[in-house]
């Protein structure tokens, strides 16, 4: 039984979807006005693994992740550049999709855009007006927060203590300073759509409610996003949706922790971001995924170049082990794994993932199996090959394959992995060859200190030299 931490209840609960074998999951996607950073990657990768694991456990998952392509920030950037908001949105949707593809993030089943959901948004706003939860002022439509008596239950905020702030606009015309915009009357140099209340555009929160209802119905099994969305965005989503339908909006709210730099949340407003594109210039997608999955998704995670280097080193160890298994024991690992033994070795990993998707613990178990594989291969070389060894090694290979599919790491061929690492070398292949030539000349002239110096210099840059008969070859450090 999978158990998840439900933000709404503040406890772990057994995960029981509405339909026996179907999960309806929505995760808030990007507001597309700039390049995405590692903080965005954390949410995308965390929920990608949750999506993969639910499918691995036999669920049919309907997964929706949206694009917010109408927003104040998009409009501001468009006006600064003298282009249309549509051009800005399309540019950064393309950039986001490229980043997700590079990181190996699965495509959701649906990727709706706000601009393609306008009819549903207008109908949703009208429903709230008709039910007395919203009111119109001069072409603007506001949600009446105090009409919804459960407001604050998700974020654990007392409505009496709340003040206008964050993304809640202060407007003297509103009946209550906490009321938030469902529809904004059009202004100069802004995109607009026709509505019963005049030309305008939707507020931020109503967009997700309308996209959810259109694609997943009134009640979702899982709604995910970063912890910064709990209030006001998710609180407002819940208020709107439950007021409109009269039904529970979300059964399980899941929120991922932040990526921090120097104990501060990584964010554009603080100016301390590392874009995904910049990270991918220096580190492999697998290393970035492994770094993001090496902490529980609800916990904050601290970024530094050192932790990404550590992730690379861990991957090197994994793939060196996989390479050894394939080269030294191909007949053993290619035999069909014993089903019962495989289930026994998978149990600690599945137990970890069933406990609120604890990737950190599960990945720790994968590396336990790396150690086990090396220990068993060493033993077989010394003491001979037993049936127990053959069974265990074939099972470990199967475990690597299944968990690789869930985590989106550990699934490449060793050759492919180590060849790809060449992209991230801090030295060009021409420079490597020149240093090898210089070293060969130094050895010819018996300048052993210079030859050793060059070997060390290359090793520090991730290059290992092997002297063979008549030639020196180089490899990326394992």
Protein backbone atom coordinates (compact mmCIF):
# COMPACT_ATOMS: atom_id res chain seq x y z
CA UNK A 1 0.00 0.00 0.00
CA UNK A 2 1.36 3.39 -1.02
CA UNK A 3 1.21 6.07 1.67
CA UNK A 4 1.50 9.78 0.87
CA UNK A 5 1.88 12.91 2.94
CA UNK A 6 -1.25 14.96 2.34
CA UNK A 7 -0.65 18.69 2.88
CA UNK A 8 -4.37 19.19 3.53
CA UNK A 9 -4.42 16.74 6.46
CA UNK A 10 -0.82 17.26 7.58
CA UNK A 11 -0.26 13.50 7.91
CA UNK A 12 0.63 10.46 5.83
CA UNK A 13 -2.38 8.57 4.54
CA UNK A 14 -3.04 5.39 2.60
CA UNK A 15 -3.32 6.31 -1.06
CA UNK A 16 -6.75 5.26 -2.31
CA UNK A 17 -7.76 6.86 -5.62
CA UNK A 18 -11.40 7.48 -6.54
CA UNK A 19 -11.38 4.72 -9.13
CA UNK A 20 -9.73 1.46 -8.20
CA UNK A 21 -6.96 1.48 -10.78
CA UNK A 22 -6.95 5.07 -12.09
CA UNK A 23 -5.13 8.15 -10.80
CA UNK A 24 -6.01 11.67 -11.92
CA UNK A 25 -3.00 13.89 -11.30
CA UNK A 26 -2.45 17.60 -11.97
CA UNK A 27 0.83 19.44 -11.39
CA UNK A 28 1.23 23.19 -11.78
CA UNK A 29 3.53 23.92 -14.69
CA UNK A 30 5.63 26.97 -15.57
CA UNK A 31 4.64 30.57 -16.08
CA UNK A 32 6.45 31.00 -19.38
CA UNK A 33 8.23 34.35 -19.26
CA UNK A 34 11.86 33.28 -18.74
CA UNK A 35 14.20 30.28 -18.73
CA UNK A 36 13.48 27.60 -16.15
CA UNK A 37 15.91 26.98 -13.30
CA UNK A 38 16.91 24.03 -11.14
CA UNK A 39 14.06 24.82 -8.73
CA UNK A 40 11.60 24.19 -11.57
CA UNK A 41 13.51 21.02 -12.43
CA UNK A 42 13.02 19.78 -8.87
CA UNK A 43 9.24 19.87 -9.18
CA UNK A 44 9.25 18.43 -12.71
CA UNK A 45 11.58 15.55 -11.82
CA UNK A 46 9.89 14.78 -8.48
CA UNK A 47 6.45 14.45 -10.04
CA UNK A 48 7.87 12.67 -13.08
CA UNK A 49 9.14 9.95 -10.74
CA UNK A 50 5.83 9.85 -8.87
CA UNK A 51 4.08 9.45 -12.24
CA UNK A 52 6.50 6.72 -13.31
CA UNK A 53 6.21 4.89 -9.98
CA UNK A 54 2.41 4.91 -9.94
CA UNK A 55 2.46 3.35 -13.40
CA UNK A 56 5.10 0.85 -12.25
CA UNK A 57 2.74 -0.15 -9.44
CA UNK A 58 -0.01 -0.86 -11.96
CA UNK A 59 -2.10 2.32 -11.95
CA UNK A 60 -3.46 3.98 -15.05
CA UNK A 61 -2.39 7.60 -14.57
CA UNK A 62 -3.96 10.58 -16.32
CA UNK A 63 -1.30 13.24 -15.85
CA UNK A 64 -1.83 16.94 -16.60
CA UNK A 65 0.78 19.70 -16.36
CA UNK A 66 -0.18 23.15 -17.64
CA UNK A 67 1.49 26.17 -19.17
CA UNK A 68 0.49 29.56 -17.78
CA UNK A 69 0.79 31.60 -20.97
CA UNK A 70 -1.22 34.64 -19.81
CA UNK A 71 0.28 36.50 -16.86
CA UNK A 72 1.46 39.92 -15.68
CA UNK A 73 5.11 38.86 -15.97
CA UNK A 74 4.65 37.70 -19.56
CA UNK A 75 2.97 40.99 -20.47
CA UNK A 76 5.70 43.01 -18.74
CA UNK A 77 8.46 41.17 -20.61
CA UNK A 78 6.63 41.53 -23.92
CA UNK A 79 6.25 45.29 -23.43
CA UNK A 80 9.93 45.60 -22.48
CA UNK A 81 11.00 43.79 -25.65
CA UNK A 82 8.38 45.37 -27.91
CA UNK A 83 6.90 42.01 -28.95
CA UNK A 84 3.58 40.29 -28.35
CA UNK A 85 2.88 38.28 -25.18
CA UNK A 86 2.19 35.31 -27.44
CA UNK A 87 5.74 35.50 -28.83
CA UNK A 88 7.21 35.55 -25.30
CA UNK A 89 5.04 32.62 -24.21
CA UNK A 90 5.85 30.51 -27.25
CA UNK A 91 9.58 31.21 -26.90
CA UNK A 92 9.69 30.00 -23.30
CA UNK A 93 7.31 27.09 -23.80
CA UNK A 94 9.78 25.84 -26.41
CA UNK A 95 12.71 26.42 -24.02
CA UNK A 96 10.91 24.62 -21.17
CA UNK A 97 10.05 21.65 -23.40
CA UNK A 98 13.68 21.42 -24.50
CA UNK A 99 14.81 21.42 -20.86
CA UNK A 100 12.33 18.71 -19.89
CA UNK A 101 13.34 16.56 -22.84
CA UNK A 102 17.03 16.99 -21.95
CA UNK A 103 16.32 15.95 -18.35
CA UNK A 104 14.40 12.87 -19.46
CA UNK A 105 11.10 14.08 -17.97
CA UNK A 106 8.15 12.08 -19.29
CA UNK A 107 5.57 13.93 -21.35
CA UNK A 108 2.32 14.33 -19.38
CA UNK A 109 -0.84 13.05 -21.03
CA UNK A 110 -2.11 16.62 -21.37
CA UNK A 111 -0.27 19.98 -21.46
CA UNK A 112 -3.02 22.60 -21.62
CA UNK A 113 -2.46 26.31 -22.16
CA UNK A 114 -4.53 29.05 -20.57
CA UNK A 115 -5.09 30.65 -23.97
CA UNK A 116 -6.69 27.41 -25.18
CA UNK A 117 -9.00 27.16 -22.16
CA UNK A 118 -10.64 30.59 -22.26
CA UNK A 119 -14.22 29.39 -22.88
CA UNK A 120 -14.01 27.05 -19.88
CA UNK A 121 -12.53 29.82 -17.71
CA UNK A 122 -15.36 32.22 -18.58
CA UNK A 123 -17.99 29.57 -17.86
CA UNK A 124 -16.29 28.77 -14.53
CA UNK A 125 -16.30 32.43 -13.48
CA UNK A 126 -19.97 32.75 -14.43
CA UNK A 127 -20.81 29.72 -12.30
CA UNK A 128 -19.16 31.37 -9.27
CA UNK A 129 -21.10 34.59 -9.91
CA UNK A 130 -24.37 32.65 -10.24
CA UNK A 131 -23.71 30.83 -6.95
CA UNK A 132 -22.95 34.05 -5.08
CA UNK A 133 -19.23 33.43 -4.60
CA UNK A 134 -18.09 36.19 -6.97
CA UNK A 135 -19.08 39.74 -7.86
CA UNK A 136 -18.48 42.15 -10.74
CA UNK A 137 -17.03 45.66 -10.42
CA UNK A 138 -16.34 47.76 -13.53
CA UNK A 139 -15.53 44.74 -15.69
CA UNK A 140 -13.42 43.02 -13.01
CA UNK A 141 -14.68 39.90 -11.26
CA UNK A 142 -13.60 39.07 -7.70
CA UNK A 143 -13.96 35.96 -5.59
CA UNK A 144 -15.52 36.61 -2.19
CA UNK A 145 -13.14 34.80 0.14
CA UNK A 146 -15.30 35.00 3.28
CA UNK A 147 -18.19 33.29 1.48
CA UNK A 148 -16.15 30.08 1.47
CA UNK A 149 -16.09 28.89 5.07
CA UNK A 150 -13.22 26.40 4.54
CA UNK A 151 -10.79 29.09 3.34
CA UNK A 152 -7.39 28.61 4.98
CA UNK A 153 -7.69 24.87 5.63
CA UNK A 154 -5.01 23.89 3.11
CA UNK A 155 -2.43 26.48 4.15
CA UNK A 156 -3.44 26.34 7.85
CA UNK A 157 -3.97 30.11 7.85
CA UNK A 158 -6.56 31.87 9.97
CA UNK A 159 -8.65 34.07 7.73
CA UNK A 160 -8.98 36.70 10.45
CA UNK A 161 -5.20 37.10 10.55
CA UNK A 162 -4.63 37.21 6.81
CA UNK A 163 -3.74 40.50 5.16
CA UNK A 164 -3.58 41.46 1.52
CA UNK A 165 -0.15 40.66 0.15
CA UNK A 166 1.90 38.31 -1.98
CA UNK A 167 -0.06 37.96 -5.24
CA UNK A 168 -3.29 39.43 -3.83
CA UNK A 169 -3.81 42.85 -5.37
CA UNK A 170 -4.99 45.67 -3.12
CA UNK A 171 -8.00 47.39 -4.69
CA UNK A 172 -10.18 49.84 -2.78
CA UNK A 173 -13.19 48.78 -4.83
CA UNK A 174 -13.13 45.25 -3.45
CA UNK A 175 -15.62 44.27 -0.76
CA UNK A 176 -12.80 42.70 1.25
CA UNK A 177 -9.03 43.18 0.89
CA UNK A 178 -8.60 39.37 0.78
CA UNK A 179 -10.85 38.95 -2.27
CA UNK A 180 -8.89 38.00 -5.36
CA UNK A 181 -9.37 38.55 -9.08
CA UNK A 182 -11.05 35.93 -11.23
CA UNK A 183 -11.24 38.20 -14.28
CA UNK A 184 -9.37 41.45 -14.99
CA UNK A 185 -10.78 44.16 -17.23
CA UNK A 186 -8.52 44.88 -20.19
CA UNK A 187 -5.87 47.57 -19.99
CA UNK A 188 -3.77 49.23 -22.66
CA UNK A 189 -1.04 47.03 -24.20
CA UNK A 190 -2.54 43.85 -22.74
CA UNK A 191 -4.12 40.84 -24.47
CA UNK A 192 -7.86 40.46 -23.94
CA UNK A 193 -10.79 38.16 -24.60
CA UNK A 194 -14.51 38.90 -24.80
CA UNK A 195 -16.60 38.00 -21.76
CA UNK A 196 -20.05 38.76 -20.31
CA UNK A 197 -18.35 41.39 -18.09
CA UNK A 198 -16.40 43.08 -20.88
CA UNK A 199 -13.06 42.50 -22.56
CA UNK A 200 -10.34 41.22 -20.25
CA UNK A 201 -8.22 38.28 -19.18
CA UNK A 202 -8.34 35.72 -16.38
CA UNK A 203 -6.69 35.92 -12.98
CA UNK A 204 -3.97 33.42 -12.17
CA UNK A 205 -5.83 31.05 -9.85
CA UNK A 206 -8.96 30.49 -11.94
CA UNK A 207 -6.87 29.23 -14.84
CA UNK A 208 -5.78 26.02 -13.10
CA UNK A 209 -9.26 25.35 -11.73
CA UNK A 210 -10.74 25.55 -15.22
CA UNK A 211 -8.03 23.37 -16.79
CA UNK A 212 -8.46 20.80 -14.02
CA UNK A 213 -12.22 20.60 -14.48
CA UNK A 214 -11.94 20.39 -18.26
CA UNK A 215 -9.46 17.49 -18.28
CA UNK A 216 -9.89 15.67 -14.98
CA UNK A 217 -13.36 16.52 -13.65
CA UNK A 218 -14.49 17.98 -10.34
CA UNK A 219 -12.26 15.89 -8.04
CA UNK A 220 -8.58 15.05 -8.55
CA UNK A 221 -6.65 12.28 -6.85
CA UNK A 222 -3.34 14.19 -6.71
CA UNK A 223 -2.57 17.87 -7.10
CA UNK A 224 1.11 18.75 -6.94
CA UNK A 225 3.46 21.69 -7.05
CA UNK A 226 6.11 23.53 -5.08
CA UNK A 227 5.54 24.50 -1.44
CA UNK A 228 5.44 28.16 -2.47
CA UNK A 229 2.14 27.47 -4.25
CA UNK A 230 0.26 26.30 -1.15
CA UNK A 231 -0.78 29.88 -0.44
CA UNK A 232 -2.32 31.71 -2.13
CA UNK A 233 -2.50 29.72 -5.37
CA UNK A 234 -3.61 26.29 -4.21
CA UNK A 235 -5.73 27.69 -1.40
CA UNK A 236 -7.57 29.83 -3.94
CA UNK A 237 -7.87 26.97 -6.41
CA UNK A 238 -9.53 24.84 -3.75
CA UNK A 239 -11.89 27.65 -2.74
CA UNK A 240 -12.99 28.31 -6.33
CA UNK A 241 -13.35 24.69 -7.35
CA UNK A 242 -15.26 23.49 -4.32
CA UNK A 243 -17.54 26.53 -4.40
CA UNK A 244 -18.34 25.83 -8.05
CA UNK A 245 -18.87 22.06 -7.84
CA UNK A 246 -19.91 21.48 -4.24
CA UNK A 247 -17.51 18.52 -4.20
CA UNK A 248 -14.04 17.94 -2.70
CA UNK A 249 -11.47 19.32 -5.14
CA UNK A 250 -8.37 17.23 -4.33
CA UNK A 251 -7.97 14.02 -2.35
CA UNK A 252 -4.19 14.28 -1.86
CA UNK A 253 -2.18 17.51 -2.03
CA UNK A 254 1.56 16.89 -2.59
CA UNK A 255 4.18 19.66 -2.42
CA UNK A 256 7.89 19.52 -3.14
CA UNK A 257 10.56 21.41 -1.19
CA UNK A 258 12.76 24.15 -2.56
CA UNK A 259 16.23 24.05 -4.03
CA UNK A 260 18.39 26.36 -1.91
CA UNK A 261 21.67 28.13 -2.54
CA UNK A 262 23.41 29.14 0.69
CA UNK A 263 20.25 28.30 2.66
CA UNK A 264 18.13 30.65 0.55
CA UNK A 265 15.40 29.49 -1.83
CA UNK A 266 16.53 29.60 -5.44
CA UNK A 267 14.29 32.12 -7.21
CA UNK A 268 14.35 34.73 -9.94
CA UNK A 269 13.34 37.45 -7.47
CA UNK A 270 16.45 36.79 -5.37
CA UNK A 271 18.67 36.63 -8.44
CA UNK A 272 20.36 33.42 -7.30
CA UNK A 273 19.17 31.05 -9.98
CA UNK A 274 20.95 28.37 -11.96
CA UNK A 275 19.09 27.77 -15.20
CA UNK A 276 18.59 24.23 -16.39
CA UNK A 277 20.35 25.10 -19.63
CA UNK A 278 23.43 26.37 -17.75
CA UNK A 279 23.48 23.31 -15.48
CA UNK A 280 23.36 21.02 -18.52
CA UNK A 281 26.46 22.70 -19.96
CA UNK A 282 28.57 21.32 -17.10
CA UNK A 283 26.72 18.27 -15.79
CA UNK A 284 24.85 15.37 -17.35
CA UNK A 285 21.07 15.17 -17.15
CA UNK A 286 21.43 11.95 -15.14
CA UNK A 287 23.64 13.67 -12.57
CA UNK A 288 21.11 16.49 -12.19
CA UNK A 289 18.26 13.98 -11.78
CA UNK A 290 20.25 11.93 -9.26
CA UNK A 291 21.08 15.07 -7.26
CA UNK A 292 17.40 16.09 -7.20
CA UNK A 293 16.25 12.59 -6.18
CA UNK A 294 18.89 12.11 -3.50
CA UNK A 295 16.74 14.01 -0.99
CA UNK A 296 13.11 13.32 -0.15
CA UNK A 297 10.90 15.38 -2.45
CA UNK A 298 9.29 17.25 0.47
CA UNK A 299 12.64 18.28 1.97
CA UNK A 300 14.68 21.32 0.93
CA UNK A 301 17.83 20.48 -0.98
CA UNK A 302 21.01 22.57 -1.08
CA UNK A 303 22.68 23.11 -4.43
CA UNK A 304 26.41 23.47 -4.92
CA UNK A 305 28.83 22.39 -7.65
CA UNK A 306 30.21 19.85 -5.16
CA UNK A 307 26.91 17.99 -4.78
CA UNK A 308 26.52 17.70 -8.55
CA UNK A 309 30.11 16.43 -8.77
CA UNK A 310 29.23 13.88 -6.07
CA UNK A 311 26.25 12.77 -8.15
CA UNK A 312 28.53 12.35 -11.17
CA UNK A 313 30.94 10.26 -9.07
CA UNK A 314 28.08 8.04 -7.88
CA UNK A 315 26.95 7.51 -11.46
CA UNK A 316 30.52 6.66 -12.47
CA UNK A 317 30.55 3.97 -9.78
CA UNK A 318 27.21 2.58 -10.89
CA UNK A 319 28.13 2.42 -14.58
CA UNK A 320 31.60 1.03 -13.89
CA UNK A 321 29.87 -1.80 -12.00
CA UNK A 322 27.35 -2.32 -14.78
CA UNK A 323 30.22 -2.35 -17.31
CA UNK A 324 32.07 -4.94 -15.26
CA UNK A 325 28.96 -7.15 -15.07
CA UNK A 326 28.47 -6.96 -18.84
CA UNK A 327 32.12 -7.57 -19.76
CA UNK A 328 33.05 -10.21 -17.17
CA UNK A 329 29.75 -12.07 -16.72
CA UNK A 330 27.60 -11.65 -19.87
CA UNK A 331 26.24 -15.20 -19.79
CA UNK A 332 25.23 -14.83 -16.14
CA UNK A 333 23.43 -11.50 -16.32
CA UNK A 334 21.62 -12.30 -19.57
CA UNK A 335 19.80 -15.27 -18.09
CA UNK A 336 16.22 -14.65 -16.95
CA UNK A 337 16.09 -13.43 -13.35
CA UNK A 338 14.40 -15.62 -10.76
CA UNK A 339 11.05 -13.89 -10.07
CA UNK A 340 10.88 -14.70 -6.35
CA UNK A 341 14.49 -13.66 -5.72
CA UNK A 342 13.94 -10.45 -7.70
CA UNK A 343 10.90 -9.58 -5.57
CA UNK A 344 12.98 -10.16 -2.42
CA UNK A 345 15.72 -7.77 -3.61
CA UNK A 346 13.19 -5.20 -4.82
CA UNK A 347 11.25 -5.20 -1.55
CA UNK A 348 13.35 -2.59 0.32
CA UNK A 349 13.23 -0.29 -2.70
CA UNK A 350 9.46 -0.69 -3.10
CA UNK A 351 8.95 -0.22 0.64
CA UNK A 352 10.90 3.04 0.41
CA UNK A 353 8.90 4.29 -2.57
CA UNK A 354 5.61 3.19 -1.02
CA UNK A 355 6.47 5.39 1.96
CA UNK A 356 5.65 8.75 0.36
CA UNK A 357 7.97 8.20 -2.61
CA UNK A 358 11.19 8.18 -0.61
CA UNK A 359 13.63 8.29 -3.53
CA UNK A 360 16.58 9.08 -1.26
CA UNK A 361 16.20 5.80 0.64
CA UNK A 362 15.42 3.82 -2.50
CA UNK A 363 18.52 5.12 -4.31
CA UNK A 364 20.56 4.21 -1.24
CA UNK A 365 19.34 0.63 -1.69
CA UNK A 366 20.38 0.70 -5.37
CA UNK A 367 23.93 1.54 -4.30
CA UNK A 368 23.80 -1.24 -1.71
CA UNK A 369 23.21 -3.54 -4.65
CA UNK A 370 26.16 -1.97 -6.49
CA UNK A 371 28.34 -2.92 -3.51
CA UNK A 372 26.79 -6.40 -3.40
CA UNK A 373 27.45 -6.96 -7.11
CA UNK A 374 31.13 -5.98 -6.82
CA UNK A 375 31.60 -8.09 -3.70
CA UNK A 376 30.02 -11.13 -5.37
CA UNK A 377 32.05 -10.70 -8.58
CA UNK A 378 35.25 -10.45 -6.54
CA UNK A 379 34.27 -13.59 -4.63
CA UNK A 380 33.42 -15.53 -7.79
CA UNK A 381 36.84 -14.74 -9.26
CA UNK A 382 38.55 -16.05 -6.13
CA UNK A 383 36.35 -18.99 -5.18
CA UNK A 384 34.59 -19.97 -8.39
CA UNK A 385 31.16 -19.47 -9.87
CA UNK A 386 28.26 -20.91 -7.85
CA UNK A 387 24.59 -21.24 -8.79
CA UNK A 388 23.82 -18.79 -5.99
CA UNK A 389 26.15 -16.22 -7.57
CA UNK A 390 24.56 -16.66 -11.01
CA UNK A 391 21.07 -16.22 -9.60
CA UNK A 392 21.97 -13.19 -7.50
CA UNK A 393 23.86 -11.33 -10.23
CA UNK A 394 21.09 -11.82 -12.80
CA UNK A 395 18.57 -10.56 -10.23
CA UNK A 396 20.66 -7.46 -9.45
CA UNK A 397 20.82 -6.65 -13.15
CA UNK A 398 17.01 -6.90 -13.34
CA UNK A 399 16.68 -4.63 -10.27
CA UNK A 400 18.90 -2.04 -11.95
CA UNK A 401 16.69 -2.13 -15.03
CA UNK A 402 13.39 -1.75 -13.19
CA UNK A 403 14.56 1.02 -10.90
CA UNK A 404 16.27 2.79 -13.78
CA UNK A 405 12.90 3.02 -15.52
CA UNK A 406 11.30 4.47 -12.37
CA UNK A 407 14.02 7.01 -11.52
CA UNK A 408 14.99 7.96 -15.08
CA UNK A 409 18.62 7.18 -14.20
CA UNK A 410 20.76 3.99 -14.29
CA UNK A 411 19.20 2.98 -17.62
CA UNK A 412 21.95 3.73 -20.19
CA UNK A 413 24.59 1.41 -21.55
CA UNK A 414 27.97 1.93 -19.84
CA UNK A 415 29.53 2.74 -23.20
CA UNK A 416 26.87 5.34 -23.93
CA UNK A 417 27.22 6.86 -20.47
CA UNK A 418 31.01 7.20 -20.55
CA UNK A 419 31.01 8.48 -24.13
CA UNK A 420 28.47 11.13 -23.17
CA UNK A 421 30.74 12.27 -20.34
CA UNK A 422 33.19 13.56 -22.94
CA UNK A 423 30.79 16.46 -23.49
CA UNK A 424 31.45 17.72 -19.96
CA UNK A 425 35.23 17.54 -19.98
CA UNK A 426 37.02 20.72 -18.94
CA UNK A 427 39.53 20.13 -21.73
CA UNK A 428 39.22 19.64 -25.49
CA UNK A 429 40.21 16.45 -27.29
CA UNK A 430 42.87 18.40 -29.21
CA UNK A 431 44.40 19.57 -25.92
CA UNK A 432 44.38 15.99 -24.63
CA UNK A 433 46.19 14.73 -27.73
CA UNK A 434 48.74 17.55 -27.53
CA UNK A 435 49.48 16.72 -23.88
CA UNK A 436 49.80 13.03 -24.72
CA UNK A 437 52.31 13.90 -27.47
CA UNK A 438 54.24 16.10 -25.04
CA UNK A 439 54.25 13.30 -22.47
CA UNK A 440 55.49 10.77 -25.04
CA UNK A 441 58.35 13.11 -25.95
CA UNK A 442 59.16 13.60 -22.25
CA UNK A 443 59.31 9.83 -21.73
CA UNK A 444 61.49 9.43 -24.82
CA UNK A 445 63.88 11.99 -23.32
CA UNK A 446 63.66 10.28 -19.90
CA UNK A 447 62.00 13.36 -18.37
CA UNK A 448 59.93 11.21 -16.04
CA UNK A 449 58.88 14.07 -13.74
CA UNK A 450 57.24 15.96 -16.63
CA UNK A 451 55.60 12.78 -17.90
CA UNK A 452 54.13 12.12 -14.43
CA UNK A 453 53.07 15.76 -14.14
CA UNK A 454 51.09 15.53 -17.40
CA UNK A 455 49.42 12.29 -16.26
CA UNK A 456 48.34 13.98 -13.00
CA UNK A 457 47.16 17.09 -14.85
CA UNK A 458 44.95 15.02 -17.14
CA UNK A 459 43.61 12.92 -14.28
CA UNK A 460 42.54 16.09 -12.47
CA UNK A 461 40.55 16.97 -15.60
CA UNK A 462 38.88 13.55 -15.63
CA UNK A 463 41.16 11.78 -18.10
CA UNK A 464 42.90 8.44 -17.46
CA UNK A 465 45.88 7.39 -19.62
CA UNK A 466 46.73 3.79 -20.51
CA UNK A 467 50.14 3.00 -22.00
CA UNK A 468 49.98 0.12 -24.45
CA UNK A 469 52.45 -1.35 -26.90
CA UNK A 470 53.46 1.50 -29.17
CA UNK A 471 50.66 3.89 -28.13
CA UNK A 472 48.97 5.76 -25.30
CA UNK A 473 45.16 5.79 -25.19
CA UNK A 474 42.92 7.96 -23.04
CA UNK A 475 39.59 7.32 -21.36
CA UNK A 476 37.12 9.38 -19.37
CA UNK A 477 37.68 8.69 -15.68
CA UNK A 478 35.34 6.02 -14.29
